[in-house]
Amino acid sequence: MFSVTNGQITGQIFSGAIRTGSNANAIVISIKPNTSFTGKFSNLQFTIQIPNSVSPQPNAIINNNFLTNYLPTSNYIYTITNEEGFYNYLFNINISASPDYSFISGVSIDILEIEFTNAQLGIVAYSRLGHLNNGGALNGQMSFYTEISGNDNTDYTNMFYGTGASNHGSYNGYSYVPVQNIIVPLSNIELDVSKNDDLANIKWTVINQKDNVINYEVEKSNNGIQFRKISSAIPAPTRVYHFTDNLSSLTDGYVFYRIKEISSDNNIKYSEIKSLQLSKLTYTTLYPIPCHDILTIVTNADIDFNTTTKIFDETGKLLMTKATAIHKGKNMISMDVSTLPKGNYFLEITNALTTKKFVKL
């Protein structure tokens, strides 16, 4: 299942598992190697599934990062799709300077604790750690993937372990492992976010506002995971609040907002997360990830424009370019990456200020 090449372990080594977390609406993701060795974390992907019958769609946030020194929370990328009867939440991290970690055969390693918020009080959801068929039909990235020292060390044969694990046996099939029911708590904050030129108009309404609420904070994020406070408001009898955020310094991607409610008894609740899209491209996805020969870029554009698609290595060295005419609507761009060595790369679409990471096998 594995071998040593140039002093590095290659082959199928890591499986994943899921269990309940520190509260009723949290889960913990862990991985387990089938051999002992020392290596560096370089890329991980975890896809958590919640049935899409839960309404409204829950938010998923990092509640605890057990390996902060090896996998900084700020490096995680958060993506959601709705397919195959589930909301699929992808937490992906790609790093190049992780310290050495000593892996022990058969010993589980806790990676992340994820907490779900914002669904209807009392709704019970059956959560899964999953790997969609070929990474899913929408963006090809909703998968389970473990890469150590630049090597794909995912155990595709036995991808998941634990009670109820179902393994297809390969990358191109659906595999999963479930966890016992989790209860997703209610948020009593209705958030609305809209864009007017360079301004974000943020409005929130509080349903059944409690007497012990002492403050509301407006929080902002560039990735939907790490948030910072940008404004606050004290409770008002109208229960309706407004804030305007200036977006003139932002040119690409998305910006995310949520409201934090703080009570005198130190109880904290969050609203759902709302986002605004900023660039010419309403979305850009890459597939398959990881890729072997042909990398396909799928974009949807607001306008027609000419651009250049570029591929860089981790040092920033430009390796490939392709002139492309982007048309309003859906576009598909193919790039032959078969000559590139195995490793981590960055794809950039100029004029749209869009950069994506991908792995070449």
Protein backbone atom coordinates (compact mmCIF):
# COMPACT_ATOMS: atom_id res chain seq x y z
CA MET A 1 0.00 0.00 0.00
CA PHE A 2 2.96 2.33 0.44
CA SER A 3 6.66 2.64 -0.37
CA VAL A 4 9.64 4.91 0.32
CA THR A 5 10.87 7.09 -2.55
CA ASN A 6 13.73 9.55 -2.01
CA GLY A 7 13.21 9.28 1.72
CA GLN A 8 9.45 10.08 1.53
CA ILE A 9 6.48 7.80 2.13
CA THR A 10 4.20 7.38 -0.91
CA GLY A 11 0.99 5.40 -1.26
CA GLN A 12 -2.38 4.99 0.48
CA ILE A 13 -1.94 5.73 4.17
CA PHE A 14 -4.66 7.95 5.73
CA SER A 15 -8.32 7.28 6.49
CA GLY A 16 -10.81 9.71 8.07
CA ALA A 17 -13.44 9.56 10.83
CA ILE A 18 -16.10 11.75 12.43
CA ARG A 19 -17.57 11.90 15.95
CA THR A 20 -19.68 14.22 18.10
CA GLY A 21 -17.89 17.28 19.46
CA SER A 22 -17.89 19.30 22.67
CA ASN A 23 -21.55 20.30 22.32
CA ALA A 24 -24.71 18.93 20.69
CA ASN A 25 -24.23 20.77 17.40
CA ALA A 26 -20.52 20.11 16.84
CA ILE A 27 -18.51 17.33 15.21
CA VAL A 28 -14.80 16.42 15.29
CA ILE A 29 -12.87 15.29 12.20
CA SER A 30 -9.86 13.03 12.62
CA ILE A 31 -7.43 11.08 10.42
CA LYS A 32 -5.48 7.88 11.11
CA PRO A 33 -2.34 6.55 9.36
CA ASN A 34 -1.70 2.86 8.72
CA THR A 35 2.08 3.24 9.11
CA SER A 36 4.49 5.25 11.28
CA PHE A 37 6.62 7.95 9.69
CA THR A 38 7.59 11.64 9.88
CA GLY A 39 6.37 14.20 7.34
CA LYS A 40 4.91 17.65 6.80
CA PHE A 41 1.23 18.48 6.33
CA SER A 42 0.88 20.07 2.88
CA ASN A 43 -2.80 19.70 1.86
CA LEU A 44 -5.98 18.44 3.54
CA GLN A 45 -9.62 18.42 2.41
CA PHE A 46 -12.66 17.45 4.52
CA THR A 47 -16.24 17.38 3.24
CA ILE A 48 -18.99 17.37 5.88
CA GLN A 49 -22.56 16.57 4.82
CA ILE A 50 -25.87 17.71 6.36
CA PRO A 51 -29.21 16.65 4.75
CA ASN A 52 -30.61 19.53 2.68
CA SER A 53 -34.01 18.93 4.27
CA VAL A 54 -32.72 21.01 7.23
CA SER A 55 -34.03 24.56 6.89
CA PRO A 56 -32.65 27.13 6.82
CA GLN A 57 -29.26 25.93 5.61
CA PRO A 58 -26.94 25.70 8.66
CA ASN A 59 -23.69 27.63 8.93
CA ALA A 60 -20.52 25.62 9.63
CA ILE A 61 -17.63 27.29 11.50
CA ILE A 62 -14.32 26.13 12.93
CA ASN A 63 -14.91 25.78 16.68
CA ASN A 64 -11.51 24.26 17.50
CA ASN A 65 -8.33 23.73 15.46
CA PHE A 66 -6.37 21.01 17.24
CA LEU A 67 -3.24 21.44 15.09
CA THR A 68 -2.87 25.23 14.95
CA ASN A 69 0.94 25.04 14.94
CA TYR A 70 0.90 22.73 11.91
CA LEU A 71 -2.27 23.87 10.12
CA PRO A 72 -3.08 27.55 10.83
CA THR A 73 -6.80 28.27 10.97
CA SER A 74 -6.36 31.29 8.71
CA ASN A 75 -5.24 29.02 5.84
CA TYR A 76 -8.50 27.06 5.69
CA ILE A 77 -10.82 27.73 2.72
CA TYR A 78 -14.56 27.19 3.17
CA THR A 79 -16.83 26.06 0.27
CA ILE A 80 -20.46 24.87 0.17
CA THR A 81 -22.45 22.99 -2.49
CA ASN A 82 -26.00 21.63 -2.46
CA GLU A 83 -26.10 18.30 -4.30
CA GLU A 84 -26.96 14.63 -3.89
CA GLY A 85 -29.50 15.47 -1.16
CA PHE A 86 -26.94 17.17 1.12
CA TYR A 87 -25.42 20.50 1.97
CA ASN A 88 -21.72 19.72 1.46
CA TYR A 89 -19.25 21.79 3.49
CA LEU A 90 -15.63 21.64 2.33
CA PHE A 91 -12.79 22.73 4.63
CA ASN A 92 -9.58 22.81 2.58
CA ILE A 93 -6.06 23.85 3.61
CA ASN A 94 -2.94 24.08 1.45
CA ILE A 95 0.34 25.05 3.11
CA SER A 96 4.03 24.87 2.24
CA ALA A 97 5.92 25.49 5.49
CA SER A 98 4.47 23.11 8.07
CA PRO A 99 6.80 21.68 10.76
CA ASP A 100 7.56 17.95 10.81
CA TYR A 101 4.88 15.77 12.43
CA SER A 102 5.50 12.27 13.78
CA PHE A 103 2.67 10.00 12.65
CA ILE A 104 2.10 6.76 14.58
CA SER A 105 0.47 3.77 12.91
CA GLY A 106 -3.13 3.23 14.08
CA VAL A 107 -3.25 6.39 16.25
CA SER A 108 -6.03 8.86 15.35
CA ILE A 109 -5.21 12.57 15.04
CA ASP A 110 -7.95 15.13 15.75
CA ILE A 111 -7.85 17.89 13.10
CA LEU A 112 -10.89 20.18 13.41
CA GLU A 113 -14.02 20.63 15.49
CA ILE A 114 -16.81 22.11 13.32
CA GLU A 115 -19.92 23.72 14.84
CA PHE A 116 -23.26 24.12 13.03
CA THR A 117 -25.50 27.12 13.70
CA ASN A 118 -28.59 28.86 12.36
CA ALA A 119 -31.05 26.02 11.64
CA GLN A 120 -34.48 25.73 13.23
CA LEU A 121 -34.45 24.88 16.93
CA GLY A 122 -34.86 21.17 17.55
CA ILE A 123 -34.08 20.06 14.00
CA VAL A 124 -32.06 16.87 14.16
CA ALA A 125 -29.59 16.20 11.36
CA TYR A 126 -27.60 13.11 10.48
CA SER A 127 -24.09 14.33 9.68
CA ARG A 128 -21.48 12.57 7.52
CA LEU A 129 -17.84 12.91 6.61
CA GLY A 130 -18.01 12.24 2.90
CA HIS A 131 -16.24 12.01 -0.43
CA LEU A 132 -18.53 12.71 -3.40
CA ASN A 133 -18.20 10.79 -6.65
CA ASN A 134 -15.20 12.39 -8.43
CA GLY A 135 -15.47 15.31 -6.01
CA GLY A 136 -19.08 16.09 -6.92
CA ALA A 137 -20.76 17.38 -10.07
CA LEU A 138 -20.76 21.09 -9.20
CA ASN A 139 -17.08 21.89 -8.62
CA GLY A 140 -15.15 18.60 -8.42
CA GLN A 141 -13.66 19.49 -5.03
CA MET A 142 -16.06 18.03 -2.45
CA SER A 143 -13.76 15.24 -1.37
CA PHE A 144 -11.60 13.73 1.35
CA TYR A 145 -7.89 14.19 0.64
CA THR A 146 -4.71 13.90 2.72
CA GLU A 147 -1.37 15.07 1.36
CA ILE A 148 1.88 14.83 3.36
CA SER A 149 5.16 16.38 2.12
CA GLY A 150 3.59 16.90 -1.31
CA ASN A 151 2.50 13.25 -1.69
CA ASP A 152 -1.12 12.11 -2.02
CA ASN A 153 -1.38 9.76 0.98
CA THR A 154 -5.17 9.26 0.94
CA ASP A 155 -6.24 5.66 1.47
CA TYR A 156 -8.76 5.50 -1.39
CA THR A 157 -9.44 1.82 -0.72
CA ASN A 158 -10.41 2.36 2.95
CA MET A 159 -11.15 6.08 2.94
CA PHE A 160 -13.24 6.17 6.16
CA TYR A 161 -13.36 4.17 9.36
CA GLY A 162 -15.79 3.90 12.27
CA THR A 163 -19.37 2.68 12.78
CA GLY A 164 -21.39 2.80 9.57
CA ALA A 165 -18.44 3.56 7.27
CA SER A 166 -19.19 2.87 3.60
CA ASN A 167 -16.16 2.79 1.28
CA HIS A 168 -16.50 2.65 -2.50
CA GLY A 169 -12.82 1.75 -2.83
CA SER A 170 -11.65 4.45 -5.26
CA TYR A 171 -11.55 8.22 -5.85
CA ASN A 172 -14.34 8.10 -8.44
CA GLY A 173 -17.02 6.71 -6.10
CA TYR A 174 -19.07 7.95 -3.14
CA SER A 175 -17.73 7.06 0.32
CA TYR A 176 -18.83 8.28 3.75
CA VAL A 177 -18.93 7.66 7.48
CA PRO A 178 -21.88 8.95 9.58
CA VAL A 179 -22.09 10.36 13.09
CA GLN A 180 -24.95 10.25 15.57
CA ASN A 181 -27.64 12.92 15.31
CA ILE A 182 -26.68 16.50 16.09
CA ILE A 183 -29.04 19.27 17.19
CA VAL A 184 -28.63 22.59 15.40
CA PRO A 185 -29.62 25.61 17.53
CA LEU A 186 -31.84 28.51 16.45
CA SER A 187 -30.56 31.96 15.65
CA ASN A 188 -33.17 34.68 16.27
CA ILE A 189 -31.47 37.18 13.94
CA GLU A 190 -32.65 37.75 10.37
CA LEU A 191 -29.78 39.22 8.33
CA ASP A 192 -30.05 40.93 4.93
CA VAL A 193 -27.02 42.15 2.97
CA SER A 194 -27.12 44.01 -0.36
CA LYS A 195 -24.62 45.87 -2.56
CA ASN A 196 -25.05 49.41 -3.91
CA ASP A 197 -21.98 50.42 -5.98
CA ASP A 198 -19.10 50.40 -3.46
CA LEU A 199 -21.31 50.11 -0.39
CA ALA A 200 -22.58 47.06 1.46
CA ASN A 201 -25.94 47.70 3.12
CA ILE A 202 -26.31 45.50 6.19
CA LYS A 203 -29.67 45.19 7.91
CA TRP A 204 -30.66 42.83 10.68
CA THR A 205 -33.94 42.26 12.49
CA VAL A 206 -34.12 40.50 15.86
CA ILE A 207 -37.02 38.16 16.50
CA ASN A 208 -38.10 37.90 20.16
CA GLN A 209 -35.28 40.14 21.37
CA LYS A 210 -34.32 39.13 24.93
CA ASP A 211 -34.06 41.65 27.78
CA ASN A 212 -30.57 40.45 28.73
CA VAL A 213 -29.00 41.23 25.32
CA ILE A 214 -26.37 43.93 25.82
CA ASN A 215 -24.77 44.33 22.38
CA TYR A 216 -24.78 43.39 18.70
CA GLU A 217 -21.56 43.28 16.71
CA VAL A 218 -21.23 43.39 12.93
CA GLU A 219 -18.49 40.97 11.85
CA LYS A 220 -16.76 40.82 8.46
CA SER A 221 -14.63 38.16 6.75
CA ASN A 222 -12.74 37.71 3.48
CA ASN A 223 -13.04 33.90 3.52
CA GLY A 224 -16.20 33.07 5.50
CA ILE A 225 -14.22 31.46 8.33
CA GLN A 226 -12.23 34.10 10.21
CA PHE A 227 -14.36 37.14 11.18
CA ARG A 228 -13.46 40.51 12.69
CA LYS A 229 -15.63 43.15 14.37
CA ILE A 230 -16.29 46.26 12.23
CA SER A 231 -19.18 47.88 14.12
CA SER A 232 -21.56 47.45 17.05
CA ALA A 233 -25.03 48.51 18.20
CA ILE A 234 -26.85 48.48 21.51
CA PRO A 235 -30.35 46.95 21.72
CA ALA A 236 -33.17 49.22 20.50
CA PRO A 237 -36.96 48.92 20.92
CA THR A 238 -37.44 48.82 17.12
CA ARG A 239 -35.38 45.58 16.92
CA VAL A 240 -34.23 46.68 13.44
CA TYR A 241 -30.60 47.71 12.87
CA HIS A 242 -28.58 49.11 9.94
CA PHE A 243 -24.91 49.50 9.03
CA THR A 244 -23.13 50.54 5.81
CA ASP A 245 -19.69 49.16 4.93
CA ASN A 246 -17.38 50.75 2.32
CA LEU A 247 -16.11 48.21 -0.24
CA SER A 248 -14.08 50.58 -2.43
CA SER A 249 -10.74 49.00 -1.39
CA LEU A 250 -11.89 45.48 -2.40
CA THR A 251 -11.68 44.33 -6.02
CA ASP A 252 -12.16 40.57 -6.15
CA GLY A 253 -13.84 37.54 -4.67
CA TYR A 254 -16.43 37.66 -1.91
CA VAL A 255 -16.95 39.48 1.37
CA PHE A 256 -18.89 37.82 4.20
CA TYR A 257 -20.92 39.29 7.07
CA ARG A 258 -22.62 38.00 10.20
CA ILE A 259 -24.11 39.47 13.39
CA LYS A 260 -22.92 38.46 16.85
CA GLU A 261 -25.43 38.76 19.70
CA ILE A 262 -23.97 39.09 23.22
CA SER A 263 -26.02 38.63 26.40
CA SER A 264 -25.25 39.68 29.98
CA ASP A 265 -24.84 36.02 30.97
CA ASN A 266 -22.03 35.66 28.35
CA ASN A 267 -24.31 33.73 26.01
CA ILE A 268 -23.35 34.34 22.36
CA LYS A 269 -25.41 33.68 19.24
CA TYR A 270 -24.58 34.30 15.60
CA SER A 271 -26.78 35.09 12.65
CA GLU A 272 -26.44 33.18 9.41
CA ILE A 273 -23.54 34.25 7.18
CA LYS A 274 -24.38 36.37 4.12
CA SER A 275 -21.94 37.13 1.29
CA LEU A 276 -21.49 39.66 -1.52
CA GLN A 277 -19.65 38.90 -4.78
CA LEU A 278 -17.11 41.51 -5.88
CA SER A 279 -15.34 40.38 -9.08
CA LYS A 280 -16.25 40.07 -12.78
CA LEU A 281 -16.56 36.31 -12.26
CA THR A 282 -19.53 35.14 -10.22
CA TYR A 283 -17.75 31.83 -9.64
CA THR A 284 -14.60 29.96 -10.70
CA THR A 285 -14.05 26.25 -10.04
CA LEU A 286 -11.38 23.76 -11.07
CA TYR A 287 -11.74 20.03 -11.75
CA PRO A 288 -10.67 17.35 -11.28
CA ILE A 289 -8.84 18.12 -8.03
CA PRO A 290 -6.30 16.54 -7.71
CA CYS A 291 -5.67 16.47 -11.49
CA HIS A 292 -3.40 14.38 -13.71
CA ASP A 293 -3.38 15.58 -17.32
CA ILE A 294 -6.13 18.08 -18.18
CA LEU A 295 -7.23 20.82 -15.75
CA THR A 296 -10.64 22.30 -16.53
CA ILE A 297 -11.57 25.79 -15.35
CA VAL A 298 -15.30 26.57 -15.15
CA THR A 299 -16.25 30.23 -14.77
CA ASN A 300 -19.38 32.35 -14.95
CA ALA A 301 -18.85 35.98 -15.96
CA ASP A 302 -20.96 39.13 -15.70
CA ILE A 303 -19.42 40.64 -18.86
CA ASP A 304 -17.27 39.77 -21.90
CA PHE A 305 -13.53 40.38 -21.46
CA ASN A 306 -10.16 39.09 -22.66
CA THR A 307 -7.81 37.56 -20.12
CA THR A 308 -4.76 35.37 -19.66
CA THR A 309 -4.87 32.20 -17.58
CA LYS A 310 -1.55 31.59 -15.82
CA ILE A 311 -0.12 28.74 -13.72
CA PHE A 312 2.56 29.37 -11.08
CA ASP A 313 4.48 27.03 -8.79
CA GLU A 314 4.70 27.57 -5.03
CA THR A 315 7.74 29.85 -5.42
CA GLY A 316 5.77 32.18 -7.71
CA LYS A 317 7.54 31.07 -10.89
CA LEU A 318 5.34 31.41 -13.99
CA LEU A 319 5.12 28.02 -15.75
CA MET A 320 2.23 28.22 -18.23
CA THR A 321 0.02 30.87 -19.89
CA LYS A 322 -3.05 30.72 -22.11
CA ALA A 323 -4.81 33.69 -23.73
CA THR A 324 -8.57 33.36 -23.26
CA ALA A 325 -11.68 35.26 -24.33
CA ILE A 326 -14.22 35.17 -21.51
CA HIS A 327 -17.86 35.58 -22.55
CA LYS A 328 -20.82 36.63 -20.46
CA GLY A 329 -22.28 33.50 -18.89
CA LYS A 330 -20.67 30.09 -18.37
CA ASN A 331 -17.15 29.41 -19.74
CA MET A 332 -14.98 26.27 -19.76
CA ILE A 333 -11.20 26.51 -20.21
CA SER A 334 -8.95 23.44 -20.51
CA MET A 335 -5.22 23.44 -19.80
CA ASP A 336 -2.86 20.53 -20.43
CA VAL A 337 -0.80 20.15 -17.24
CA SER A 338 0.55 16.68 -18.03
CA THR A 339 4.14 17.98 -18.28
CA LEU A 340 4.09 19.55 -14.81
CA PRO A 341 5.72 17.59 -11.96
CA LYS A 342 3.57 16.42 -9.06
CA GLY A 343 2.99 19.21 -6.57
CA ASN A 344 0.97 22.25 -5.55
CA TYR A 345 0.23 25.05 -8.02
CA PHE A 346 -1.68 28.31 -8.33
CA LEU A 347 -3.90 29.25 -11.27
CA GLU A 348 -4.56 32.94 -11.92
CA ILE A 349 -7.11 34.56 -14.21
CA THR A 350 -5.81 38.06 -14.91
CA ASN A 351 -8.16 41.04 -15.27
CA ALA A 352 -10.50 39.21 -12.92
CA LEU A 353 -8.03 39.06 -10.02
CA THR A 354 -8.93 35.41 -9.41
CA THR A 355 -6.43 32.91 -7.99
CA LYS A 356 -7.10 29.22 -7.25
CA LYS A 357 -4.91 26.51 -5.75
CA PHE A 358 -4.75 23.00 -7.22
CA VAL A 359 -2.80 19.77 -6.83
CA LYS A 360 -1.12 17.94 -9.73
CA LEU A 361 -0.60 14.18 -9.32
